[in-house]
Amino acid sequence: MIAKYTEVEVLAAVPRLTAVRLSTFVDMQIVVPMRDGNRPVFGAIDVARMELLCDLAEQFELEEDGLGIIMSLIDQLHAVRQDFHALAAAVSSEPAETRRRIAANFRQGRSADED
């Protein structure tokens, strides 16, 4: 079961987060709450995102637009990482000769990128 946090619980869990900042993050869709009836609820990943957003806003003095760009890049990086893991799992299920050929092609492609 997924843990769900109300706005009040999120504000308590992330002390540096204000109600105004939370509303801004939601309005900008940097954090997208789930719905529980008519009220928004947040998952643990949302709480972690808001902690990171507060860190970035305070330590690097980033505005909302900059935060949105950085979170978009982080989301893209996570998607690429998931794709890479799925590809690695698919390759590992192939016969040894196929894996060797793929590895050789991969190394060759990387060395060509360095030139």
PDB file of N, CA and C in Angstrom:
ATOM      1  N   MET A   1       0.842  -1.190   0.000  1.00  0.00           N
ATOM      2  CA  MET A   1       0.000   0.000   0.000  1.00  0.00           C
ATOM      3  C   MET A   1       0.882   1.247   0.000  1.00  0.00           C
ATOM      4  N   ILE A   2       0.494   2.228  -0.781  1.00  0.00           N
ATOM      5  CA  ILE A   2       1.251   3.469  -0.910  1.00  0.00           C
ATOM      6  C   ILE A   2       0.872   4.410   0.229  1.00  0.00           C
ATOM      7  N   ALA A   3       1.910   4.955   0.881  1.00  0.00           N
ATOM      8  CA  ALA A   3       1.657   5.936   1.937  1.00  0.00           C
ATOM      9  C   ALA A   3       1.125   7.213   1.304  1.00  0.00           C
ATOM     10  N   LYS A   4       0.112   7.781   1.913  1.00  0.00           N
ATOM     11  CA  LYS A   4      -0.474   9.019   1.413  1.00  0.00           C
ATOM     12  C   LYS A   4      -0.373  10.086   2.495  1.00  0.00           C
ATOM     13  N   TYR A   5       0.044  11.266   2.076  1.00  0.00           N
ATOM     14  CA  TYR A   5       0.204  12.381   2.992  1.00  0.00           C
ATOM     15  C   TYR A   5      -0.735  13.512   2.581  1.00  0.00           C
ATOM     16  N   THR A   6      -1.433  14.072   3.546  1.00  0.00           N
ATOM     17  CA  THR A   6      -2.253  15.251   3.276  1.00  0.00           C
ATOM     18  C   THR A   6      -1.329  16.459   3.198  1.00  0.00           C
ATOM     19  N   GLU A   7      -1.876  17.593   2.778  1.00  0.00           N
ATOM     20  CA  GLU A   7      -1.075  18.815   2.723  1.00  0.00           C
ATOM     21  C   GLU A   7      -0.498  19.137   4.101  1.00  0.00           C
ATOM     22  N   VAL A   8      -1.302  19.000   5.129  1.00  0.00           N
ATOM     23  CA  VAL A   8      -0.849  19.287   6.501  1.00  0.00           C
ATOM     24  C   VAL A   8       0.296  18.352   6.882  1.00  0.00           C
ATOM     25  N   GLU A   9       0.177  17.077   6.548  1.00  0.00           N
ATOM     26  CA  GLU A   9       1.221  16.110   6.875  1.00  0.00           C
ATOM     27  C   GLU A   9       2.507  16.385   6.090  1.00  0.00           C
ATOM     28  N   VAL A  10       2.369  16.824   4.828  1.00  0.00           N
ATOM     29  CA  VAL A  10       3.544  17.164   4.025  1.00  0.00           C
ATOM     30  C   VAL A  10       4.248  18.371   4.631  1.00  0.00           C
ATOM     31  N   LEU A  11       3.491  19.370   5.016  1.00  0.00           N
ATOM     32  CA  LEU A  11       4.094  20.563   5.617  1.00  0.00           C
ATOM     33  C   LEU A  11       4.798  20.221   6.927  1.00  0.00           C
ATOM     34  N   ALA A  12       4.277  19.262   7.666  1.00  0.00           N
ATOM     35  CA  ALA A  12       4.936  18.829   8.898  1.00  0.00           C
ATOM     36  C   ALA A  12       6.177  17.996   8.594  1.00  0.00           C
ATOM     37  N   ALA A  13       6.126  17.196   7.524  1.00  0.00           N
ATOM     38  CA  ALA A  13       7.251  16.326   7.174  1.00  0.00           C
ATOM     39  C   ALA A  13       8.409  17.103   6.567  1.00  0.00           C
ATOM     40  N   VAL A  14       8.114  18.216   5.919  1.00  0.00           N
ATOM     41  CA  VAL A  14       9.148  19.040   5.280  1.00  0.00           C
ATOM     42  C   VAL A  14       9.054  20.428   5.904  1.00  0.00           C
ATOM     43  N   PRO A  15       9.727  20.624   7.045  1.00  0.00           N
ATOM     44  CA  PRO A  15       9.569  21.869   7.793  1.00  0.00           C
ATOM     45  C   PRO A  15       9.891  23.134   6.999  1.00  0.00           C
ATOM     46  N   ARG A  16      10.806  23.064   6.030  1.00  0.00           N
ATOM     47  CA  ARG A  16      11.162  24.258   5.252  1.00  0.00           C
ATOM     48  C   ARG A  16      10.135  24.587   4.179  1.00  0.00           C
ATOM     49  N   LEU A  17       9.193  23.690   3.970  1.00  0.00           N
ATOM     50  CA  LEU A  17       8.158  23.888   2.960  1.00  0.00           C
ATOM     51  C   LEU A  17       7.027  24.715   3.555  1.00  0.00           C
ATOM     52  N   THR A  18       6.669  25.775   2.851  1.00  0.00           N
ATOM     53  CA  THR A  18       5.542  26.597   3.289  1.00  0.00           C
ATOM     54  C   THR A  18       4.315  26.248   2.455  1.00  0.00           C
ATOM     55  N   ALA A  19       3.158  26.637   2.940  1.00  0.00           N
ATOM     56  CA  ALA A  19       1.924  26.391   2.193  1.00  0.00           C
ATOM     57  C   ALA A  19       1.958  27.108   0.844  1.00  0.00           C
ATOM     58  N   VAL A  20       2.528  28.307   0.817  1.00  0.00           N
ATOM     59  CA  VAL A  20       2.628  29.066  -0.436  1.00  0.00           C
ATOM     60  C   VAL A  20       3.557  28.350  -1.415  1.00  0.00           C
ATOM     61  N   ARG A  21       4.702  27.886  -0.924  1.00  0.00           N
ATOM     62  CA  ARG A  21       5.652  27.185  -1.787  1.00  0.00           C
ATOM     63  C   ARG A  21       5.042  25.880  -2.303  1.00  0.00           C
ATOM     64  N   LEU A  22       4.349  25.154  -1.440  1.00  0.00           N
ATOM     65  CA  LEU A  22       3.682  23.911  -1.852  1.00  0.00           C
ATOM     66  C   LEU A  22       2.671  24.204  -2.951  1.00  0.00           C
ATOM     67  N   SER A  23       1.880  25.237  -2.762  1.00  0.00           N
ATOM     68  CA  SER A  23       0.887  25.616  -3.764  1.00  0.00           C
ATOM     69  C   SER A  23       1.558  25.980  -5.087  1.00  0.00           C
ATOM     70  N   THR A  24       2.678  26.674  -5.025  1.00  0.00           N
ATOM     71  CA  THR A  24       3.426  27.035  -6.236  1.00  0.00           C
ATOM     72  C   THR A  24       3.930  25.794  -6.950  1.00  0.00           C
ATOM     73  N   PHE A  25       4.501  24.848  -6.203  1.00  0.00           N
ATOM     74  CA  PHE A  25       4.999  23.608  -6.808  1.00  0.00           C
ATOM     75  C   PHE A  25       3.875  22.833  -7.491  1.00  0.00           C
ATOM     76  N   VAL A  26       2.708  22.806  -6.866  1.00  0.00           N
ATOM     77  CA  VAL A  26       1.564  22.096  -7.443  1.00  0.00           C
ATOM     78  C   VAL A  26       1.051  22.847  -8.671  1.00  0.00           C
ATOM     79  N   ASP A  27       0.935  24.172  -8.567  1.00  0.00           N
ATOM     80  CA  ASP A  27       0.461  24.978  -9.696  1.00  0.00           C
ATOM     81  C   ASP A  27       1.378  24.829 -10.914  1.00  0.00           C
ATOM     82  N   MET A  28       2.682  24.735 -10.669  1.00  0.00           N
ATOM     83  CA  MET A  28       3.654  24.593 -11.755  1.00  0.00           C
ATOM     84  C   MET A  28       3.790  23.143 -12.216  1.00  0.00           C
ATOM     85  N   GLN A  29       3.105  22.252 -11.531  1.00  0.00           N
ATOM     86  CA  GLN A  29       3.142  20.812 -11.812  1.00  0.00           C
ATOM     87  C   GLN A  29       4.543  20.227 -11.650  1.00  0.00           C
ATOM     88  N   ILE A  30       5.315  20.817 -10.756  1.00  0.00           N
ATOM     89  CA  ILE A  30       6.603  20.234 -10.382  1.00  0.00           C
ATOM     90  C   ILE A  30       6.338  19.046  -9.478  1.00  0.00           C
ATOM     91  N   VAL A  31       5.287  19.166  -8.698  1.00  0.00           N
ATOM     92  CA  VAL A  31       4.778  18.071  -7.858  1.00  0.00           C
ATOM     93  C   VAL A  31       3.301  17.926  -8.216  1.00  0.00           C
ATOM     94  N   VAL A  32       2.906  16.698  -8.543  1.00  0.00           N
ATOM     95  CA  VAL A  32       1.522  16.459  -8.950  1.00  0.00           C
ATOM     96  C   VAL A  32       0.891  15.501  -7.941  1.00  0.00           C
ATOM     97  N   PRO A  33       0.002  16.028  -7.098  1.00  0.00           N
ATOM     98  CA  PRO A  33      -0.619  15.157  -6.094  1.00  0.00           C
ATOM     99  C   PRO A  33      -1.621  14.195  -6.713  1.00  0.00           C
ATOM    100  N   MET A  34      -1.846  13.109  -5.987  1.00  0.00           N
ATOM    101  CA  MET A  34      -2.931  12.186  -6.338  1.00  0.00           C
ATOM    102  C   MET A  34      -4.201  12.772  -5.741  1.00  0.00           C
ATOM    103  N   ARG A  35      -5.321  12.163  -6.016  1.00  0.00           N
ATOM    104  CA  ARG A  35      -6.589  12.618  -5.446  1.00  0.00           C
ATOM    105  C   ARG A  35      -7.149  11.518  -4.553  1.00  0.00           C
ATOM    106  N   ASP A  36      -7.627  11.911  -3.406  1.00  0.00           N
ATOM    107  CA  ASP A  36      -8.338  11.009  -2.503  1.00  0.00           C
ATOM    108  C   ASP A  36      -9.690  11.674  -2.256  1.00  0.00           C
ATOM    109  N   GLY A  37     -10.647  11.312  -3.088  1.00  0.00           N
ATOM    110  CA  GLY A  37     -11.918  12.033  -3.049  1.00  0.00           C
ATOM    111  C   GLY A  37     -11.695  13.412  -3.643  1.00  0.00           C
ATOM    112  N   ASN A  38     -12.012  14.429  -2.869  1.00  0.00           N
ATOM    113  CA  ASN A  38     -11.837  15.807  -3.339  1.00  0.00           C
ATOM    114  C   ASN A  38     -10.539  16.451  -2.880  1.00  0.00           C
ATOM    115  N   ARG A  39      -9.766  15.731  -2.093  1.00  0.00           N
ATOM    116  CA  ARG A  39      -8.562  16.363  -1.541  1.00  0.00           C
ATOM    117  C   ARG A  39      -7.298  15.795  -2.181  1.00  0.00           C
ATOM    118  N   PRO A  40      -6.298  16.661  -2.320  1.00  0.00           N
ATOM    119  CA  PRO A  40      -5.021  16.178  -2.855  1.00  0.00           C
ATOM    120  C   PRO A  40      -4.253  15.425  -1.773  1.00  0.00           C
ATOM    121  N   VAL A  41      -3.585  14.364  -2.177  1.00  0.00           N
ATOM    122  CA  VAL A  41      -2.693  13.624  -1.281  1.00  0.00           C
ATOM    123  C   VAL A  41      -1.382  13.395  -2.020  1.00  0.00           C
ATOM    124  N   PHE A  42      -0.333  13.235  -1.259  1.00  0.00           N
ATOM    125  CA  PHE A  42       1.009  13.112  -1.801  1.00  0.00           C
ATOM    126  C   PHE A  42       1.620  11.792  -1.379  1.00  0.00           C
ATOM    127  N   GLY A  43       2.438  11.230  -2.242  1.00  0.00           N
ATOM    128  CA  GLY A  43       3.157  10.011  -1.923  1.00  0.00           C
ATOM    129  C   GLY A  43       4.520  10.322  -1.338  1.00  0.00           C
ATOM    130  N   ALA A  44       5.209   9.279  -0.886  1.00  0.00           N
ATOM    131  CA  ALA A  44       6.542   9.456  -0.300  1.00  0.00           C
ATOM    132  C   ALA A  44       7.503  10.072  -1.306  1.00  0.00           C
ATOM    133  N   ILE A  45       7.367   9.723  -2.586  1.00  0.00           N
ATOM    134  CA  ILE A  45       8.248  10.298  -3.610  1.00  0.00           C
ATOM    135  C   ILE A  45       8.010  11.800  -3.736  1.00  0.00           C
ATOM    136  N   ASP A  46       6.765  12.228  -3.563  1.00  0.00           N
ATOM    137  CA  ASP A  46       6.459  13.661  -3.600  1.00  0.00           C
ATOM    138  C   ASP A  46       7.126  14.389  -2.436  1.00  0.00           C
ATOM    139  N   VAL A  47       7.101  13.758  -1.265  1.00  0.00           N
ATOM    140  CA  VAL A  47       7.754  14.354  -0.092  1.00  0.00           C
ATOM    141  C   VAL A  47       9.248  14.496  -0.350  1.00  0.00           C
ATOM    142  N   ALA A  48       9.867  13.462  -0.919  1.00  0.00           N
ATOM    143  CA  ALA A  48      11.295  13.525  -1.236  1.00  0.00           C
ATOM    144  C   ALA A  48      11.572  14.619  -2.268  1.00  0.00           C
ATOM    145  N   ARG A  49      10.714  14.740  -3.270  1.00  0.00           N
ATOM    146  CA  ARG A  49      10.873  15.791  -4.286  1.00  0.00           C
ATOM    147  C   ARG A  49      10.805  17.171  -3.640  1.00  0.00           C
ATOM    148  N   MET A  50       9.874  17.342  -2.712  1.00  0.00           N
ATOM    149  CA  MET A  50       9.730  18.649  -2.075  1.00  0.00           C
ATOM    150  C   MET A  50      10.922  18.978  -1.184  1.00  0.00           C
ATOM    151  N   GLU A  51      11.492  17.961  -0.551  1.00  0.00           N
ATOM    152  CA  GLU A  51      12.716  18.199   0.222  1.00  0.00           C
ATOM    153  C   GLU A  51      13.839  18.659  -0.706  1.00  0.00           C
ATOM    154  N   LEU A  52      13.984  17.977  -1.841  1.00  0.00           N
ATOM    155  CA  LEU A  52      14.996  18.367  -2.815  1.00  0.00           C
ATOM    156  C   LEU A  52      14.713  19.762  -3.360  1.00  0.00           C
ATOM    157  N   LEU A  53      13.475  20.057  -3.671  1.00  0.00           N
ATOM    158  CA  LEU A  53      13.115  21.376  -4.178  1.00  0.00           C
ATOM    159  C   LEU A  53      13.460  22.472  -3.174  1.00  0.00           C
ATOM    160  N   CYS A  54      13.191  22.222  -1.901  1.00  0.00           N
ATOM    161  CA  CYS A  54      13.544  23.203  -0.864  1.00  0.00           C
ATOM    162  C   CYS A  54      15.053  23.383  -0.789  1.00  0.00           C
ATOM    163  N   ASP A  55      15.799  22.269  -0.862  1.00  0.00           N
ATOM    164  CA  ASP A  55      17.265  22.353  -0.864  1.00  0.00           C
ATOM    165  C   ASP A  55      17.756  23.205  -2.033  1.00  0.00           C
ATOM    166  N   LEU A  56      17.255  22.921  -3.222  1.00  0.00           N
ATOM    167  CA  LEU A  56      17.685  23.652  -4.415  1.00  0.00           C
ATOM    168  C   LEU A  56      17.308  25.130  -4.330  1.00  0.00           C
ATOM    169  N   ALA A  57      16.108  25.405  -3.872  1.00  0.00           N
ATOM    170  CA  ALA A  57      15.646  26.790  -3.776  1.00  0.00           C
ATOM    171  C   ALA A  57      16.486  27.581  -2.781  1.00  0.00           C
ATOM    172  N   GLU A  58      16.817  26.957  -1.652  1.00  0.00           N
ATOM    173  CA  GLU A  58      17.531  27.669  -0.597  1.00  0.00           C
ATOM    174  C   GLU A  58      19.039  27.706  -0.819  1.00  0.00           C
ATOM    175  N   GLN A  59      19.631  26.580  -1.141  1.00  0.00           N
ATOM    176  CA  GLN A  59      21.088  26.526  -1.263  1.00  0.00           C
ATOM    177  C   GLN A  59      21.599  27.191  -2.538  1.00  0.00           C
ATOM    178  N   PHE A  60      20.826  27.107  -3.618  1.00  0.00           N
ATOM    179  CA  PHE A  60      21.277  27.664  -4.887  1.00  0.00           C
ATOM    180  C   PHE A  60      20.456  28.876  -5.311  1.00  0.00           C
ATOM    181  N   GLU A  61      19.542  29.287  -4.430  1.00  0.00           N
ATOM    182  CA  GLU A  61      18.706  30.452  -4.661  1.00  0.00           C
ATOM    183  C   GLU A  61      18.018  30.404  -6.023  1.00  0.00           C
ATOM    184  N   LEU A  62      17.454  29.235  -6.343  1.00  0.00           N
ATOM    185  CA  LEU A  62      16.781  29.052  -7.624  1.00  0.00           C
ATOM    186  C   LEU A  62      15.340  29.532  -7.546  1.00  0.00           C
ATOM    187  N   GLU A  63      14.900  30.153  -8.615  1.00  0.00           N
ATOM    188  CA  GLU A  63      13.503  30.572  -8.756  1.00  0.00           C
ATOM    189  C   GLU A  63      12.680  29.373  -9.213  1.00  0.00           C
ATOM    190  N   GLU A  64      11.369  29.534  -9.233  1.00  0.00           N
ATOM    191  CA  GLU A  64      10.481  28.429  -9.597  1.00  0.00           C
ATOM    192  C   GLU A  64      10.756  27.888 -10.993  1.00  0.00           C
ATOM    193  N   ASP A  65      11.011  28.785 -11.962  1.00  0.00           N
ATOM    194  CA  ASP A  65      11.281  28.318 -13.328  1.00  0.00           C
ATOM    195  C   ASP A  65      12.516  27.433 -13.368  1.00  0.00           C
ATOM    196  N   GLY A  66      13.568  27.839 -12.670  1.00  0.00           N
ATOM    197  CA  GLY A  66      14.790  27.037 -12.612  1.00  0.00           C
ATOM    198  C   GLY A  66      14.547  25.701 -11.942  1.00  0.00           C
ATOM    199  N   LEU A  67      13.733  25.710 -10.900  1.00  0.00           N
ATOM    200  CA  LEU A  67      13.400  24.458 -10.222  1.00  0.00           C
ATOM    201  C   LEU A  67      12.653  23.517 -11.148  1.00  0.00           C
ATOM    202  N   GLY A  68      11.745  24.072 -11.931  1.00  0.00           N
ATOM    203  CA  GLY A  68      10.991  23.258 -12.875  1.00  0.00           C
ATOM    204  C   GLY A  68      11.894  22.618 -13.915  1.00  0.00           C
ATOM    205  N   ILE A  69      12.855  23.384 -14.405  1.00  0.00           N
ATOM    206  CA  ILE A  69      13.794  22.860 -15.410  1.00  0.00           C
ATOM    207  C   ILE A  69      14.648  21.757 -14.804  1.00  0.00           C
ATOM    208  N   ILE A  70      15.179  21.988 -13.615  1.00  0.00           N
ATOM    209  CA  ILE A  70      16.037  20.986 -12.972  1.00  0.00           C
ATOM    210  C   ILE A  70      15.255  19.711 -12.681  1.00  0.00           C
ATOM    211  N   MET A  71      14.036  19.833 -12.179  1.00  0.00           N
ATOM    212  CA  MET A  71      13.252  18.637 -11.880  1.00  0.00           C
ATOM    213  C   MET A  71      12.887  17.889 -13.156  1.00  0.00           C
ATOM    214  N   SER A  72      12.642  18.617 -14.239  1.00  0.00           N
ATOM    215  CA  SER A  72      12.370  17.970 -15.522  1.00  0.00           C
ATOM    216  C   SER A  72      13.588  17.167 -15.976  1.00  0.00           C
ATOM    217  N   LEU A  73      14.772  17.751 -15.822  1.00  0.00           N
ATOM    218  CA  LEU A  73      16.002  17.045 -16.191  1.00  0.00           C
ATOM    219  C   LEU A  73      16.219  15.812 -15.309  1.00  0.00           C
ATOM    220  N   ILE A  74      15.948  15.938 -14.026  1.00  0.00           N
ATOM    221  CA  ILE A  74      16.085  14.798 -13.113  1.00  0.00           C
ATOM    222  C   ILE A  74      15.099  13.694 -13.510  1.00  0.00           C
ATOM    223  N   ASP A  75      13.871  14.075 -13.832  1.00  0.00           N
ATOM    224  CA  ASP A  75      12.872  13.092 -14.263  1.00  0.00           C
ATOM    225  C   ASP A  75      13.319  12.383 -15.540  1.00  0.00           C
ATOM    226  N   GLN A  76      13.882  13.150 -16.478  1.00  0.00           N
ATOM    227  CA  GLN A  76      14.377  12.552 -17.719  1.00  0.00           C
ATOM    228  C   GLN A  76      15.524  11.589 -17.434  1.00  0.00           C
ATOM    229  N   LEU A  77      16.405  11.976 -16.533  1.00  0.00           N
ATOM    230  CA  LEU A  77      17.527  11.116 -16.169  1.00  0.00           C
ATOM    231  C   LEU A  77      17.035   9.809 -15.553  1.00  0.00           C
ATOM    232  N   HIS A  78      16.041   9.889 -14.688  1.00  0.00           N
ATOM    233  CA  HIS A  78      15.468   8.682 -14.088  1.00  0.00           C
ATOM    234  C   HIS A  78      14.845   7.788 -15.155  1.00  0.00           C
ATOM    235  N   ALA A  79      14.167   8.389 -16.137  1.00  0.00           N
ATOM    236  CA  ALA A  79      13.554   7.601 -17.209  1.00  0.00           C
ATOM    237  C   ALA A  79      14.626   6.893 -18.036  1.00  0.00           C
ATOM    238  N   VAL A  80      15.714   7.597 -18.333  1.00  0.00           N
ATOM    239  CA  VAL A  80      16.811   6.981 -19.090  1.00  0.00           C
ATOM    240  C   VAL A  80      17.431   5.849 -18.278  1.00  0.00           C
ATOM    241  N   ARG A  81      17.575   6.066 -16.999  1.00  0.00           N
ATOM    242  CA  ARG A  81      18.141   5.020 -16.126  1.00  0.00           C
ATOM    243  C   ARG A  81      17.249   3.781 -16.120  1.00  0.00           C
ATOM    244  N   GLN A  82      15.941   3.965 -16.037  1.00  0.00           N
ATOM    245  CA  GLN A  82      15.014   2.830 -16.087  1.00  0.00           C
ATOM    246  C   GLN A  82      15.110   2.112 -17.430  1.00  0.00           C
ATOM    247  N   ASP A  83      15.186   2.885 -18.515  1.00  0.00           N
ATOM    248  CA  ASP A  83      15.335   2.286 -19.843  1.00  0.00           C
ATOM    249  C   ASP A  83      16.630   1.492 -19.930  1.00  0.00           C
ATOM    250  N   PHE A  84      17.711   2.043 -19.388  1.00  0.00           N
ATOM    251  CA  PHE A  84      18.996   1.356 -19.418  1.00  0.00           C
ATOM    252  C   PHE A  84      18.927   0.034 -18.661  1.00  0.00           C
ATOM    253  N   HIS A  85      18.288   0.050 -17.490  1.00  0.00           N
ATOM    254  CA  HIS A  85      18.159  -1.188 -16.709  1.00  0.00           C
ATOM    255  C   HIS A  85      17.326  -2.231 -17.459  1.00  0.00           C
ATOM    256  N   ALA A  86      16.270  -1.787 -18.127  1.00  0.00           N
ATOM    257  CA  ALA A  86      15.444  -2.716 -18.902  1.00  0.00           C
ATOM    258  C   ALA A  86      16.242  -3.278 -20.073  1.00  0.00           C
ATOM    259  N   LEU A  87      17.019  -2.434 -20.731  1.00  0.00           N
ATOM    260  CA  LEU A  87      17.854  -2.889 -21.838  1.00  0.00           C
ATOM    261  C   LEU A  87      18.924  -3.861 -21.346  1.00  0.00           C
ATOM    262  N   ALA A  88      19.557  -3.552 -20.231  1.00  0.00           N
ATOM    263  CA  ALA A  88      20.574  -4.446 -19.672  1.00  0.00           C
ATOM    264  C   ALA A  88      19.976  -5.800 -19.314  1.00  0.00           C
ATOM    265  N   ALA A  89      18.774  -5.803 -18.762  1.00  0.00           N
ATOM    266  CA  ALA A  89      18.113  -7.066 -18.425  1.00  0.00           C
ATOM    267  C   ALA A  89      17.804  -7.857 -19.692  1.00  0.00           C
ATOM    268  N   ALA A  90      17.360  -7.159 -20.738  1.00  0.00           N
ATOM    269  CA  ALA A  90      17.064  -7.849 -21.999  1.00  0.00           C
ATOM    270  C   ALA A  90      18.336  -8.438 -22.603  1.00  0.00           C
ATOM    271  N   VAL A  91      19.413  -7.681 -22.580  1.00  0.00           N
ATOM    272  CA  VAL A  91      20.677  -8.168 -23.143  1.00  0.00           C
ATOM    273  C   VAL A  91      21.193  -9.348 -22.329  1.00  0.00           C
ATOM    274  N   SER A  92      21.072  -9.276 -21.018  1.00  0.00           N
ATOM    275  CA  SER A  92      21.595 -10.363 -20.180  1.00  0.00           C
ATOM    276  C   SER A  92      20.841 -11.677 -20.391  1.00  0.00           C
ATOM    277  N   SER A  93      19.652 -11.606 -20.946  1.00  0.00           N
ATOM    278  CA  SER A  93      18.897 -12.834 -21.198  1.00  0.00           C
ATOM    279  C   SER A  93      19.246 -13.459 -22.551  1.00  0.00           C
ATOM    280  N   GLU A  94      20.083 -12.790 -23.313  1.00  0.00           N
ATOM    281  CA  GLU A  94      20.492 -13.298 -24.625  1.00  0.00           C
ATOM    282  C   GLU A  94      21.633 -14.306 -24.474  1.00  0.00           C
ATOM    283  N   PRO A  95      21.848 -15.120 -25.496  1.00  0.00           N
ATOM    284  CA  PRO A  95      22.975 -16.073 -25.454  1.00  0.00           C
ATOM    285  C   PRO A  95      24.313 -15.349 -25.347  1.00  0.00           C
ATOM    286  N   ALA A  96      25.324 -16.062 -24.841  1.00  0.00           N
ATOM    287  CA  ALA A  96      26.642 -15.475 -24.595  1.00  0.00           C
ATOM    288  C   ALA A  96      27.228 -14.826 -25.838  1.00  0.00           C
ATOM    289  N   GLU A  97      27.107 -15.464 -26.976  1.00  0.00           N
ATOM    290  CA  GLU A  97      27.674 -14.903 -28.219  1.00  0.00           C
ATOM    291  C   GLU A  97      27.009 -13.573 -28.576  1.00  0.00           C
ATOM    292  N   THR A  98      25.723 -13.501 -28.402  1.00  0.00           N
ATOM    293  CA  THR A  98      24.993 -12.259 -28.674  1.00  0.00           C
ATOM    294  C   THR A  98      25.447 -11.170 -27.710  1.00  0.00           C
ATOM    295  N   ARG A  99      25.602 -11.511 -26.436  1.00  0.00           N
ATOM    296  CA  ARG A  99      26.071 -10.534 -25.441  1.00  0.00           C
ATOM    297  C   ARG A  99      27.459 -10.025 -25.793  1.00  0.00           C
ATOM    298  N   ARG A 100      28.353 -10.918 -26.230  1.00  0.00           N
ATOM    299  CA  ARG A 100      29.710 -10.502 -26.617  1.00  0.00           C
ATOM    300  C   ARG A 100      29.658  -9.552 -27.812  1.00  0.00           C
ATOM    301  N   ARG A 101      28.827  -9.870 -28.792  1.00  0.00           N
ATOM    302  CA  ARG A 101      28.712  -9.026 -29.976  1.00  0.00           C
ATOM    303  C   ARG A 101      28.155  -7.642 -29.604  1.00  0.00           C
ATOM    304  N   ILE A 102      27.159  -7.625 -28.760  1.00  0.00           N
ATOM    305  CA  ILE A 102      26.596  -6.345 -28.311  1.00  0.00           C
ATOM    306  C   ILE A 102      27.645  -5.547 -27.548  1.00  0.00           C
ATOM    307  N   ALA A 103      28.390  -6.201 -26.665  1.00  0.00           N
ATOM    308  CA  ALA A 103      29.428  -5.506 -25.893  1.00  0.00           C
ATOM    309  C   ALA A 103      30.493  -4.937 -26.815  1.00  0.00           C
ATOM    310  N   ALA A 104      30.898  -5.699 -27.816  1.00  0.00           N
ATOM    311  CA  ALA A 104      31.913  -5.216 -28.759  1.00  0.00           C
ATOM    312  C   ALA A 104      31.388  -4.009 -29.530  1.00  0.00           C
ATOM    313  N   ASN A 105      30.145  -4.079 -29.992  1.00  0.00           N
ATOM    314  CA  ASN A 105      29.548  -2.952 -30.711  1.00  0.00           C
ATOM    315  C   ASN A 105      29.416  -1.726 -29.813  1.00  0.00           C
ATOM    316  N   PHE A 106      29.083  -1.965 -28.559  1.00  0.00           N
ATOM    317  CA  PHE A 106      28.956  -0.872 -27.603  1.00  0.00           C
ATOM    318  C   PHE A 106      30.300  -0.179 -27.396  1.00  0.00           C
ATOM    319  N   ARG A 107      31.344  -0.971 -27.168  1.00  0.00           N
ATOM    320  CA  ARG A 107      32.689  -0.403 -26.985  1.00  0.00           C
ATOM    321  C   ARG A 107      33.131   0.356 -28.233  1.00  0.00           C
ATOM    322  N   GLN A 108      32.852  -0.211 -29.397  1.00  0.00           N
ATOM    323  CA  GLN A 108      33.232   0.421 -30.652  1.00  0.00           C
ATOM    324  C   GLN A 108      32.497   1.749 -30.815  1.00  0.00           C
ATOM    325  N   GLY A 109      31.235   1.762 -30.503  1.00  0.00           N
ATOM    326  CA  GLY A 109      30.448   3.005 -30.581  1.00  0.00           C
ATOM    327  C   GLY A 109      30.943   4.058 -29.628  1.00  0.00           C
ATOM    328  N   ARG A 110      31.329   3.656 -28.431  1.00  0.00           N
ATOM    329  CA  ARG A 110      31.845   4.621 -27.441  1.00  0.00           C
ATOM    330  C   ARG A 110      33.157   5.197 -27.872  1.00  0.00           C
ATOM    331  N   SER A 111      34.054   4.356 -28.414  1.00  0.00           N
ATOM    332  CA  SER A 111      35.361   4.866 -28.844  1.00  0.00           C
ATOM    333  C   SER A 111      35.187   5.786 -30.054  1.00  0.00           C
ATOM    334  N   ALA A 112      34.204   5.533 -30.908  1.00  0.00           N
ATOM    335  CA  ALA A 112      33.942   6.417 -32.051  1.00  0.00           C
ATOM    336  C   ALA A 112      33.431   7.768 -31.567  1.00  0.00           C
ATOM    337  N   ASP A 113      32.655   7.788 -30.468  1.00  0.00           N
ATOM    338  CA  ASP A 113      32.157   9.060 -29.912  1.00  0.00           C
ATOM    339  C   ASP A 113      33.288   9.893 -29.341  1.00  0.00           C
ATOM    340  N   GLU A 114      34.349   9.261 -28.879  1.00  0.00           N
ATOM    341  CA  GLU A 114      35.469   9.982 -28.276  1.00  0.00           C
ATOM    342  C   GLU A 114      36.339  10.664 -29.322  1.00  0.00           C
ATOM    343  N   ASP A 115      36.265  10.197 -30.558  1.00  0.00           N
ATOM    344  CA  ASP A 115      37.095  10.782 -31.625  1.00  0.00           C
ATOM    345  C   ASP A 115      36.605  12.123 -32.066  1.00  0.00           C
TER     346      ASP A 115
END
